PDB file of all heavy atoms in Angstrom:
ATOM      1  N   ASP A   1      -3.335   2.305  19.891  1.00  0.00           N
ATOM      2  CA  ASP A   1      -3.597   3.567  19.203  1.00  0.00           C
ATOM      3  C   ASP A   1      -2.403   3.975  18.347  1.00  0.00           C
ATOM      4  O   ASP A   1      -2.568   4.461  17.222  1.00  0.00           O
ATOM      5  CB  ASP A   1      -3.909   4.664  20.231  1.00  0.00           C
ATOM      6  CG  ASP A   1      -5.251   4.443  20.923  1.00  0.00           C
ATOM      7  OD1 ASP A   1      -6.087   3.714  20.356  1.00  0.00           O
ATOM      8  OD2 ASP A   1      -5.448   4.983  22.031  1.00  0.00           O
ATOM      9  N   VAL A   2      -1.190   3.772  18.877  1.00  0.00           N
ATOM     10  CA  VAL A   2       0.023   4.067  18.117  1.00  0.00           C
ATOM     11  C   VAL A   2       0.114   3.133  16.911  1.00  0.00           C
ATOM     12  O   VAL A   2       0.435   3.557  15.793  1.00  0.00           O
ATOM     13  CB  VAL A   2       1.274   3.912  19.007  1.00  0.00           C
ATOM     14  CG1 VAL A   2       2.554   4.031  18.179  1.00  0.00           C
ATOM     15  CG2 VAL A   2       1.266   4.954  20.117  1.00  0.00           C
ATOM     16  N   ILE A   3      -0.158   1.849  17.142  1.00  0.00           N
ATOM     17  CA  ILE A   3      -0.091   0.857  16.070  1.00  0.00           C
ATOM     18  C   ILE A   3      -1.072   1.196  14.953  1.00  0.00           C
ATOM     19  O   ILE A   3      -0.731   1.145  13.766  1.00  0.00           O
ATOM     20  CB  ILE A   3      -0.376  -0.554  16.625  1.00  0.00           C
ATOM     21  CG1 ILE A   3       0.750  -0.985  17.574  1.00  0.00           C
ATOM     22  CG2 ILE A   3      -0.533  -1.559  15.488  1.00  0.00           C
ATOM     23  CD1 ILE A   3       0.458  -2.272  18.320  1.00  0.00           C
ATOM     24  N   GLN A   4      -2.295   1.542  15.338  1.00  0.00           N
ATOM     25  CA  GLN A   4      -3.317   1.860  14.336  1.00  0.00           C
ATOM     26  C   GLN A   4      -2.883   3.036  13.463  1.00  0.00           C
ATOM     27  O   GLN A   4      -2.983   2.979  12.233  1.00  0.00           O
ATOM     28  CB  GLN A   4      -4.640   2.187  15.012  1.00  0.00           C
ATOM     29  CG  GLN A   4      -5.766   2.496  14.012  1.00  0.00           C
ATOM     30  CD  GLN A   4      -7.078   2.811  14.696  1.00  0.00           C
ATOM     31  OE1 GLN A   4      -7.105   3.252  15.845  1.00  0.00           O
ATOM     32  NE2 GLN A   4      -8.186   2.592  14.011  1.00  0.00           N
ATOM     33  N   ARG A   5      -2.379   4.077  14.095  1.00  0.00           N
ATOM     34  CA  ARG A   5      -1.962   5.260  13.337  1.00  0.00           C
ATOM     35  C   ARG A   5      -0.800   4.917  12.402  1.00  0.00           C
ATOM     36  O   ARG A   5      -0.763   5.340  11.237  1.00  0.00           O
ATOM     37  CB  ARG A   5      -1.553   6.359  14.313  1.00  0.00           C
ATOM     38  CG  ARG A   5      -1.077   7.643  13.656  1.00  0.00           C
ATOM     39  CD  ARG A   5      -2.205   8.401  13.001  1.00  0.00           C
ATOM     40  NE  ARG A   5      -1.701   9.625  12.398  1.00  0.00           N
ATOM     41  CZ  ARG A   5      -1.554  10.790  13.043  1.00  0.00           C
ATOM     42  NH1 ARG A   5      -1.875  10.863  14.338  1.00  0.00           N
ATOM     43  NH2 ARG A   5      -1.115  11.852  12.421  1.00  0.00           N
ATOM     44  N   SER A   6       0.159   4.146  12.903  1.00  0.00           N
ATOM     45  CA  SER A   6       1.317   3.762  12.099  1.00  0.00           C
ATOM     46  C   SER A   6       0.900   2.958  10.873  1.00  0.00           C
ATOM     47  O   SER A   6       1.329   3.249   9.748  1.00  0.00           O
ATOM     48  CB  SER A   6       2.293   2.945  12.953  1.00  0.00           C
ATOM     49  OG  SER A   6       3.284   2.334  12.157  1.00  0.00           O
ATOM     50  N   LEU A   7       0.082   1.943  11.076  1.00  0.00           N
ATOM     51  CA  LEU A   7      -0.312   1.074   9.968  1.00  0.00           C
ATOM     52  C   LEU A   7      -1.200   1.799   8.962  1.00  0.00           C
ATOM     53  O   LEU A   7      -1.098   1.573   7.753  1.00  0.00           O
ATOM     54  CB  LEU A   7      -1.018  -0.166  10.503  1.00  0.00           C
ATOM     55  CG  LEU A   7      -0.138  -1.154  11.279  1.00  0.00           C
ATOM     56  CD1 LEU A   7      -0.970  -2.316  11.801  1.00  0.00           C
ATOM     57  CD2 LEU A   7       0.998  -1.682  10.409  1.00  0.00           C
ATOM     58  N   GLN A   8      -2.078   2.668   9.440  1.00  0.00           N
ATOM     59  CA  GLN A   8      -2.969   3.383   8.529  1.00  0.00           C
ATOM     60  C   GLN A   8      -2.226   4.447   7.725  1.00  0.00           C
ATOM     61  O   GLN A   8      -2.501   4.636   6.538  1.00  0.00           O
ATOM     62  CB  GLN A   8      -4.123   4.022   9.300  1.00  0.00           C
ATOM     63  CG  GLN A   8      -5.118   3.002   9.820  1.00  0.00           C
ATOM     64  CD  GLN A   8      -6.337   3.623  10.479  1.00  0.00           C
ATOM     65  OE1 GLN A   8      -7.329   2.941  10.758  1.00  0.00           O
ATOM     66  NE2 GLN A   8      -6.282   4.908  10.760  1.00  0.00           N
ATOM     67  N   ASP A   9      -1.257   5.106   8.353  1.00  0.00           N
ATOM     68  CA  ASP A   9      -0.561   6.191   7.665  1.00  0.00           C
ATOM     69  C   ASP A   9       0.605   5.705   6.816  1.00  0.00           C
ATOM     70  O   ASP A   9       0.877   6.253   5.747  1.00  0.00           O
ATOM     71  CB  ASP A   9      -0.043   7.211   8.684  1.00  0.00           C
ATOM     72  CG  ASP A   9      -1.165   8.013   9.327  1.00  0.00           C
ATOM     73  OD1 ASP A   9      -2.329   7.858   8.908  1.00  0.00           O
ATOM     74  OD2 ASP A   9      -0.867   8.792  10.257  1.00  0.00           O
ATOM     75  N   ARG A  10       1.323   4.658   7.286  1.00  0.00           N
ATOM     76  CA  ARG A  10       2.567   4.296   6.623  1.00  0.00           C
ATOM     77  C   ARG A  10       2.701   2.795   6.319  1.00  0.00           C
ATOM     78  O   ARG A  10       3.712   2.364   5.777  1.00  0.00           O
ATOM     79  CB  ARG A  10       3.766   4.748   7.456  1.00  0.00           C
ATOM     80  CG  ARG A  10       3.762   6.235   7.801  1.00  0.00           C
ATOM     81  CD  ARG A  10       5.151   6.771   8.031  1.00  0.00           C
ATOM     82  NE  ARG A  10       5.954   6.751   6.833  1.00  0.00           N
ATOM     83  CZ  ARG A  10       7.193   6.264   6.775  1.00  0.00           C
ATOM     84  NH1 ARG A  10       7.756   5.736   7.853  1.00  0.00           N
ATOM     85  NH2 ARG A  10       7.874   6.295   5.652  1.00  0.00           N
ATOM     86  N   GLY A  11       1.693   2.016   6.676  1.00  0.00           N
ATOM     87  CA  GLY A  11       1.755   0.588   6.411  1.00  0.00           C
ATOM     88  C   GLY A  11       1.192   0.233   5.045  1.00  0.00           C
ATOM     89  O   GLY A  11       0.510   1.027   4.408  1.00  0.00           O
ATOM     90  N   ALA A  12       1.482  -1.010   4.583  1.00  0.00           N
ATOM     91  CA  ALA A  12       0.948  -1.451   3.296  1.00  0.00           C
ATOM     92  C   ALA A  12       1.008  -2.966   3.187  1.00  0.00           C
ATOM     93  O   ALA A  12       1.942  -3.602   3.688  1.00  0.00           O
ATOM     94  CB  ALA A  12       1.716  -0.818   2.139  1.00  0.00           C
ATOM     95  N   LEU A  13      -0.002  -3.526   2.536  1.00  0.00           N
ATOM     96  CA  LEU A  13      -0.041  -4.949   2.179  1.00  0.00           C
ATOM     97  C   LEU A  13       0.018  -4.989   0.654  1.00  0.00           C
ATOM     98  O   LEU A  13      -0.907  -4.513  -0.014  1.00  0.00           O
ATOM     99  CB  LEU A  13      -1.321  -5.598   2.692  1.00  0.00           C
ATOM    100  CG  LEU A  13      -1.556  -5.519   4.206  1.00  0.00           C
ATOM    101  CD1 LEU A  13      -2.962  -5.983   4.556  1.00  0.00           C
ATOM    102  CD2 LEU A  13      -0.515  -6.347   4.943  1.00  0.00           C
ATOM    103  N   ILE A  14       1.095  -5.523   0.109  1.00  0.00           N
ATOM    104  CA  ILE A  14       1.336  -5.409  -1.328  1.00  0.00           C
ATOM    105  C   ILE A  14       1.320  -6.776  -1.990  1.00  0.00           C
ATOM    106  O   ILE A  14       2.109  -7.667  -1.645  1.00  0.00           O
ATOM    107  CB  ILE A  14       2.681  -4.716  -1.600  1.00  0.00           C
ATOM    108  CG1 ILE A  14       2.702  -3.324  -0.953  1.00  0.00           C
ATOM    109  CG2 ILE A  14       2.938  -4.612  -3.105  1.00  0.00           C
ATOM    110  CD1 ILE A  14       4.037  -2.606  -1.092  1.00  0.00           C
ATOM    111  N   LYS A  15       0.441  -6.937  -2.953  1.00  0.00           N
ATOM    112  CA  LYS A  15       0.371  -8.150  -3.773  1.00  0.00           C
ATOM    113  C   LYS A  15       1.368  -8.011  -4.921  1.00  0.00           C
ATOM    114  O   LYS A  15       1.335  -7.034  -5.683  1.00  0.00           O
ATOM    115  CB  LYS A  15      -1.048  -8.309  -4.328  1.00  0.00           C
ATOM    116  CG  LYS A  15      -1.212  -9.304  -5.474  1.00  0.00           C
ATOM    117  CD  LYS A  15      -1.047 -10.720  -5.034  1.00  0.00           C
ATOM    118  CE  LYS A  15      -1.490 -11.678  -6.137  1.00  0.00           C
ATOM    119  NZ  LYS A  15      -0.746 -11.529  -7.405  1.00  0.00           N
ATOM    120  N   VAL A  16       2.290  -8.980  -5.017  1.00  0.00           N
ATOM    121  CA  VAL A  16       3.284  -8.964  -6.088  1.00  0.00           C
ATOM    122  C   VAL A  16       3.042 -10.149  -7.028  1.00  0.00           C
ATOM    123  O   VAL A  16       2.329 -11.090  -6.684  1.00  0.00           O
ATOM    124  CB  VAL A  16       4.724  -9.031  -5.511  1.00  0.00           C
ATOM    125  CG1 VAL A  16       5.044  -7.779  -4.722  1.00  0.00           C
ATOM    126  CG2 VAL A  16       4.907 -10.274  -4.641  1.00  0.00           C
ATOM    127  N   ARG A  17       3.664 -10.094  -8.195  1.00  0.00           N
ATOM    128  CA  ARG A  17       3.490 -11.165  -9.176  1.00  0.00           C
ATOM    129  C   ARG A  17       4.122 -12.468  -8.688  1.00  0.00           C
ATOM    130  O   ARG A  17       3.553 -13.547  -8.843  1.00  0.00           O
ATOM    131  CB  ARG A  17       4.095 -10.762 -10.514  1.00  0.00           C
ATOM    132  CG  ARG A  17       3.385  -9.585 -11.178  1.00  0.00           C
ATOM    133  CD  ARG A  17       4.066  -9.219 -12.504  1.00  0.00           C
ATOM    134  NE  ARG A  17       3.386  -8.140 -13.203  1.00  0.00           N
ATOM    135  CZ  ARG A  17       3.612  -6.855 -12.998  1.00  0.00           C
ATOM    136  NH1 ARG A  17       4.525  -6.493 -12.108  1.00  0.00           N
ATOM    137  NH2 ARG A  17       2.949  -5.933 -13.671  1.00  0.00           N
ATOM    138  N   ASP A  18       5.320 -12.350  -8.123  1.00  0.00           N
ATOM    139  CA  ASP A  18       6.022 -13.525  -7.623  1.00  0.00           C
ATOM    140  C   ASP A  18       7.122 -13.058  -6.665  1.00  0.00           C
ATOM    141  O   ASP A  18       7.330 -11.855  -6.474  1.00  0.00           O
ATOM    142  CB  ASP A  18       6.615 -14.355  -8.775  1.00  0.00           C
ATOM    143  CG  ASP A  18       7.441 -13.513  -9.742  1.00  0.00           C
ATOM    144  OD1 ASP A  18       8.181 -12.627  -9.273  1.00  0.00           O
ATOM    145  OD2 ASP A  18       7.346 -13.746 -10.962  1.00  0.00           O
ATOM    146  N   MET A  19       7.853 -14.005  -6.091  1.00  0.00           N
ATOM    147  CA  MET A  19       8.882 -13.664  -5.121  1.00  0.00           C
ATOM    148  C   MET A  19      10.072 -12.957  -5.774  1.00  0.00           C
ATOM    149  O   MET A  19      10.767 -12.171  -5.134  1.00  0.00           O
ATOM    150  CB  MET A  19       9.342 -14.914  -4.374  1.00  0.00           C
ATOM    151  CG  MET A  19       8.307 -15.455  -3.385  1.00  0.00           C
ATOM    152  SD  MET A  19       8.041 -14.360  -1.968  1.00  0.00           S
ATOM    153  CE  MET A  19       9.538 -14.658  -1.013  1.00  0.00           C
ATOM    154  N   ASN A  20      10.319 -13.240  -7.031  1.00  0.00           N
ATOM    155  CA  ASN A  20      11.387 -12.520  -7.731  1.00  0.00           C
ATOM    156  C   ASN A  20      11.096 -11.025  -7.773  1.00  0.00           C
ATOM    157  O   ASN A  20      11.969 -10.195  -7.511  1.00  0.00           O
ATOM    158  CB  ASN A  20      11.561 -13.058  -9.154  1.00  0.00           C
ATOM    159  CG  ASN A  20      12.314 -14.372  -9.191  1.00  0.00           C
ATOM    160  OD1 ASN A  20      13.431 -14.463  -8.704  1.00  0.00           O
ATOM    161  ND2 ASN A  20      11.690 -15.394  -9.755  1.00  0.00           N
ATOM    162  N   GLU A  21       9.859 -10.689  -8.090  1.00  0.00           N
ATOM    163  CA  GLU A  21       9.483  -9.274  -8.118  1.00  0.00           C
ATOM    164  C   GLU A  21       9.520  -8.689  -6.709  1.00  0.00           C
ATOM    165  O   GLU A  21       9.894  -7.523  -6.521  1.00  0.00           O
ATOM    166  CB  GLU A  21       8.090  -9.095  -8.713  1.00  0.00           C
ATOM    167  CG  GLU A  21       7.725  -7.615  -8.857  1.00  0.00           C
ATOM    168  CD  GLU A  21       6.314  -7.394  -9.378  1.00  0.00           C
ATOM    169  OE1 GLU A  21       5.385  -8.064  -8.882  1.00  0.00           O
ATOM    170  OE2 GLU A  21       6.138  -6.533 -10.259  1.00  0.00           O
ATOM    171  N   ALA A  22       9.161  -9.491  -5.722  1.00  0.00           N
ATOM    172  CA  ALA A  22       9.213  -9.022  -4.338  1.00  0.00           C
ATOM    173  C   ALA A  22      10.633  -8.590  -3.979  1.00  0.00           C
ATOM    174  O   ALA A  22      10.840  -7.575  -3.305  1.00  0.00           O
ATOM    175  CB  ALA A  22       8.736 -10.117  -3.389  1.00  0.00           C
ATOM    176  N   CYS A  23      11.617  -9.336  -4.443  1.00  0.00           N
ATOM    177  CA  CYS A  23      13.018  -9.002  -4.158  1.00  0.00           C
ATOM    178  C   CYS A  23      13.429  -7.706  -4.858  1.00  0.00           C
ATOM    179  O   CYS A  23      14.177  -6.896  -4.293  1.00  0.00           O
ATOM    180  CB  CYS A  23      13.931 -10.140  -4.584  1.00  0.00           C
ATOM    181  SG  CYS A  23      13.738 -11.648  -3.608  1.00  0.00           S
ATOM    182  N   VAL A  24      12.943  -7.505  -6.075  1.00  0.00           N
ATOM    183  CA  VAL A  24      13.246  -6.274  -6.806  1.00  0.00           C
ATOM    184  C   VAL A  24      12.689  -5.068  -6.057  1.00  0.00           C
ATOM    185  O   VAL A  24      13.372  -4.048  -5.874  1.00  0.00           O
ATOM    186  CB  VAL A  24      12.667  -6.333  -8.236  1.00  0.00           C
ATOM    187  CG1 VAL A  24      12.811  -4.968  -8.928  1.00  0.00           C
ATOM    188  CG2 VAL A  24      13.352  -7.418  -9.048  1.00  0.00           C
ATOM    189  N   ILE A  25      11.446  -5.179  -5.609  1.00  0.00           N
ATOM    190  CA  ILE A  25      10.814  -4.080  -4.869  1.00  0.00           C
ATOM    191  C   ILE A  25      11.511  -3.859  -3.530  1.00  0.00           C
ATOM    192  O   ILE A  25      11.716  -2.723  -3.099  1.00  0.00           O
ATOM    193  CB  ILE A  25       9.312  -4.379  -4.656  1.00  0.00           C
ATOM    194  CG1 ILE A  25       8.593  -4.414  -6.012  1.00  0.00           C
ATOM    195  CG2 ILE A  25       8.675  -3.333  -3.746  1.00  0.00           C
ATOM    196  CD1 ILE A  25       7.159  -4.896  -5.939  1.00  0.00           C
ATOM    197  N   ALA A  26      11.908  -4.959  -2.884  1.00  0.00           N
ATOM    198  CA  ALA A  26      12.604  -4.848  -1.600  1.00  0.00           C
ATOM    199  C   ALA A  26      13.906  -4.074  -1.745  1.00  0.00           C
ATOM    200  O   ALA A  26      14.250  -3.241  -0.897  1.00  0.00           O
ATOM    201  CB  ALA A  26      12.877  -6.237  -1.028  1.00  0.00           C
ATOM    202  N   ASN A  27      14.638  -4.336  -2.823  1.00  0.00           N
ATOM    203  CA  ASN A  27      15.890  -3.613  -3.050  1.00  0.00           C
ATOM    204  C   ASN A  27      15.649  -2.130  -3.286  1.00  0.00           C
ATOM    205  O   ASN A  27      16.477  -1.291  -2.921  1.00  0.00           O
ATOM    206  CB  ASN A  27      16.647  -4.216  -4.227  1.00  0.00           C
ATOM    207  CG  ASN A  27      17.356  -5.505  -3.865  1.00  0.00           C
ATOM    208  OD1 ASN A  27      17.904  -5.633  -2.782  1.00  0.00           O
ATOM    209  ND2 ASN A  27      17.333  -6.478  -4.770  1.00  0.00           N
ATOM    210  N   ASP A  28      14.540  -1.797  -3.872  1.00  0.00           N
ATOM    211  CA  ASP A  28      14.203  -0.392  -4.089  1.00  0.00           C
ATOM    212  C   ASP A  28      13.842   0.284  -2.767  1.00  0.00           C
ATOM    213  O   ASP A  28      14.221   1.431  -2.519  1.00  0.00           O
ATOM    214  CB  ASP A  28      13.038  -0.276  -5.077  1.00  0.00           C
ATOM    215  CG  ASP A  28      12.690   1.165  -5.381  1.00  0.00           C
ATOM    216  OD1 ASP A  28      13.596   1.924  -5.772  1.00  0.00           O
ATOM    217  OD2 ASP A  28      11.517   1.552  -5.218  1.00  0.00           O
ATOM    218  N   ILE A  29      13.138  -0.440  -1.902  1.00  0.00           N
ATOM    219  CA  ILE A  29      12.744   0.112  -0.604  1.00  0.00           C
ATOM    220  C   ILE A  29      13.951   0.216   0.325  1.00  0.00           C
ATOM    221  O   ILE A  29      14.057   1.147   1.117  1.00  0.00           O
ATOM    222  CB  ILE A  29      11.640  -0.757   0.036  1.00  0.00           C
ATOM    223  CG1 ILE A  29      10.354  -0.681  -0.814  1.00  0.00           C
ATOM    224  CG2 ILE A  29      11.358  -0.344   1.475  1.00  0.00           C
ATOM    225  CD1 ILE A  29       9.259  -1.626  -0.363  1.00  0.00           C
ATOM    226  N   ALA A  30      14.878  -0.748   0.241  1.00  0.00           N
ATOM    227  CA  ALA A  30      16.092  -0.768   1.082  1.00  0.00           C
ATOM    228  C   ALA A  30      15.737  -0.584   2.555  1.00  0.00           C
ATOM    229  O   ALA A  30      16.147   0.391   3.183  1.00  0.00           O
ATOM    230  CB  ALA A  30      17.082   0.296   0.622  1.00  0.00           C
ATOM    231  N   PRO A  31      15.012  -1.534   3.132  1.00  0.00           N
ATOM    232  CA  PRO A  31      14.482  -1.346   4.485  1.00  0.00           C
ATOM    233  C   PRO A  31      15.530  -1.518   5.586  1.00  0.00           C
ATOM    234  O   PRO A  31      16.599  -2.113   5.372  1.00  0.00           O
ATOM    235  CB  PRO A  31      13.438  -2.455   4.583  1.00  0.00           C
ATOM    236  CG  PRO A  31      14.010  -3.556   3.748  1.00  0.00           C
ATOM    237  CD  PRO A  31      14.658  -2.848   2.577  1.00  0.00           C
ATOM    238  N   GLU A  32      15.185  -1.013   6.743  1.00  0.00           N
ATOM    239  CA  GLU A  32      16.014  -1.214   7.935  1.00  0.00           C
ATOM    240  C   GLU A  32      16.033  -2.700   8.303  1.00  0.00           C
ATOM    241  O   GLU A  32      17.090  -3.302   8.464  1.00  0.00           O
ATOM    242  CB  GLU A  32      15.450  -0.387   9.078  1.00  0.00           C
ATOM    243  CG  GLU A  32      16.188  -0.567  10.397  1.00  0.00           C
ATOM    244  CD  GLU A  32      15.492   0.130  11.546  1.00  0.00           C
ATOM    245  OE1 GLU A  32      14.286   0.446  11.438  1.00  0.00           O
ATOM    246  OE2 GLU A  32      16.151   0.344  12.587  1.00  0.00           O
ATOM    247  N   HIS A  33      14.854  -3.294   8.471  1.00  0.00           N
ATOM    248  CA  HIS A  33      14.717  -4.719   8.787  1.00  0.00           C
ATOM    249  C   HIS A  33      14.003  -5.420   7.638  1.00  0.00           C
ATOM    250  O   HIS A  33      12.946  -4.964   7.199  1.00  0.00           O
ATOM    251  CB  HIS A  33      13.880  -4.932  10.061  1.00  0.00           C
ATOM    252  CG  HIS A  33      14.372  -4.167  11.253  1.00  0.00           C
ATOM    253  ND1 HIS A  33      13.748  -3.004  11.691  1.00  0.00           N
ATOM    254  CD2 HIS A  33      15.394  -4.399  12.095  1.00  0.00           C
ATOM    255  CE1 HIS A  33      14.384  -2.559  12.760  1.00  0.00           C
ATOM    256  NE2 HIS A  33      15.383  -3.374  13.030  1.00  0.00           N
ATOM    257  N   LEU A  34      14.568  -6.523   7.169  1.00  0.00           N
ATOM    258  CA  LEU A  34      13.942  -7.299   6.096  1.00  0.00           C
ATOM    259  C   LEU A  34      13.791  -8.747   6.540  1.00  0.00           C
ATOM    260  O   LEU A  34      14.786  -9.436   6.794  1.00  0.00           O
ATOM    261  CB  LEU A  34      14.795  -7.241   4.824  1.00  0.00           C
ATOM    262  CG  LEU A  34      14.339  -8.129   3.670  1.00  0.00           C
ATOM    263  CD1 LEU A  34      12.981  -7.675   3.152  1.00  0.00           C
ATOM    264  CD2 LEU A  34      15.358  -8.125   2.544  1.00  0.00           C
ATOM    265  N   GLU A  35      12.551  -9.193   6.664  1.00  0.00           N
ATOM    266  CA  GLU A  35      12.287 -10.596   6.981  1.00  0.00           C
ATOM    267  C   GLU A  35      11.988 -11.354   5.692  1.00  0.00           C
ATOM    268  O   GLU A  35      11.137 -10.938   4.903  1.00  0.00           O
ATOM    269  CB  GLU A  35      11.083 -10.732   7.925  1.00  0.00           C
ATOM    270  CG  GLU A  35      11.360 -10.309   9.352  1.00  0.00           C
ATOM    271  CD  GLU A  35      10.206 -10.643  10.290  1.00  0.00           C
ATOM    272  OE1 GLU A  35       9.206 -11.253   9.836  1.00  0.00           O
ATOM    273  OE2 GLU A  35      10.290 -10.299  11.478  1.00  0.00           O
ATOM    274  N   VAL A  36      12.701 -12.455   5.484  1.00  0.00           N
ATOM    275  CA  VAL A  36      12.413 -13.349   4.358  1.00  0.00           C
ATOM    276  C   VAL A  36      11.762 -14.586   4.953  1.00  0.00           C
ATOM    277  O   VAL A  36      12.419 -15.529   5.374  1.00  0.00           O
ATOM    278  CB  VAL A  36      13.689 -13.718   3.578  1.00  0.00           C
ATOM    279  CG1 VAL A  36      13.330 -14.566   2.362  1.00  0.00           C
ATOM    280  CG2 VAL A  36      14.435 -12.464   3.146  1.00  0.00           C
ATOM    281  N   SER A  37      10.440 -14.549   5.023  1.00  0.00           N
ATOM    282  CA  SER A  37       9.671 -15.603   5.665  1.00  0.00           C
ATOM    283  C   SER A  37       9.145 -16.540   4.586  1.00  0.00           C
ATOM    284  O   SER A  37       8.054 -16.348   4.045  1.00  0.00           O
ATOM    285  CB  SER A  37       8.520 -14.986   6.475  1.00  0.00           C
ATOM    286  OG  SER A  37       7.899 -15.931   7.301  1.00  0.00           O
ATOM    287  N   ALA A  38       9.957 -17.554   4.282  1.00  0.00           N
ATOM    288  CA  ALA A  38       9.648 -18.411   3.144  1.00  0.00           C
ATOM    289  C   ALA A  38      10.239 -19.800   3.358  1.00  0.00           C
ATOM    290  O   ALA A  38      11.076 -20.011   4.229  1.00  0.00           O
ATOM    291  CB  ALA A  38      10.200 -17.798   1.865  1.00  0.00           C
TER     292      ALA A  38
END
């Protein structure tokens, strides 16, 4: 129930043009944890 609320309110699946753009967006978000799964 906690997971569902978290993902629906604050989660996102984002399609980017390429990995270069993904890095640009990541720098803007400046996250606590960043996984580079590649």
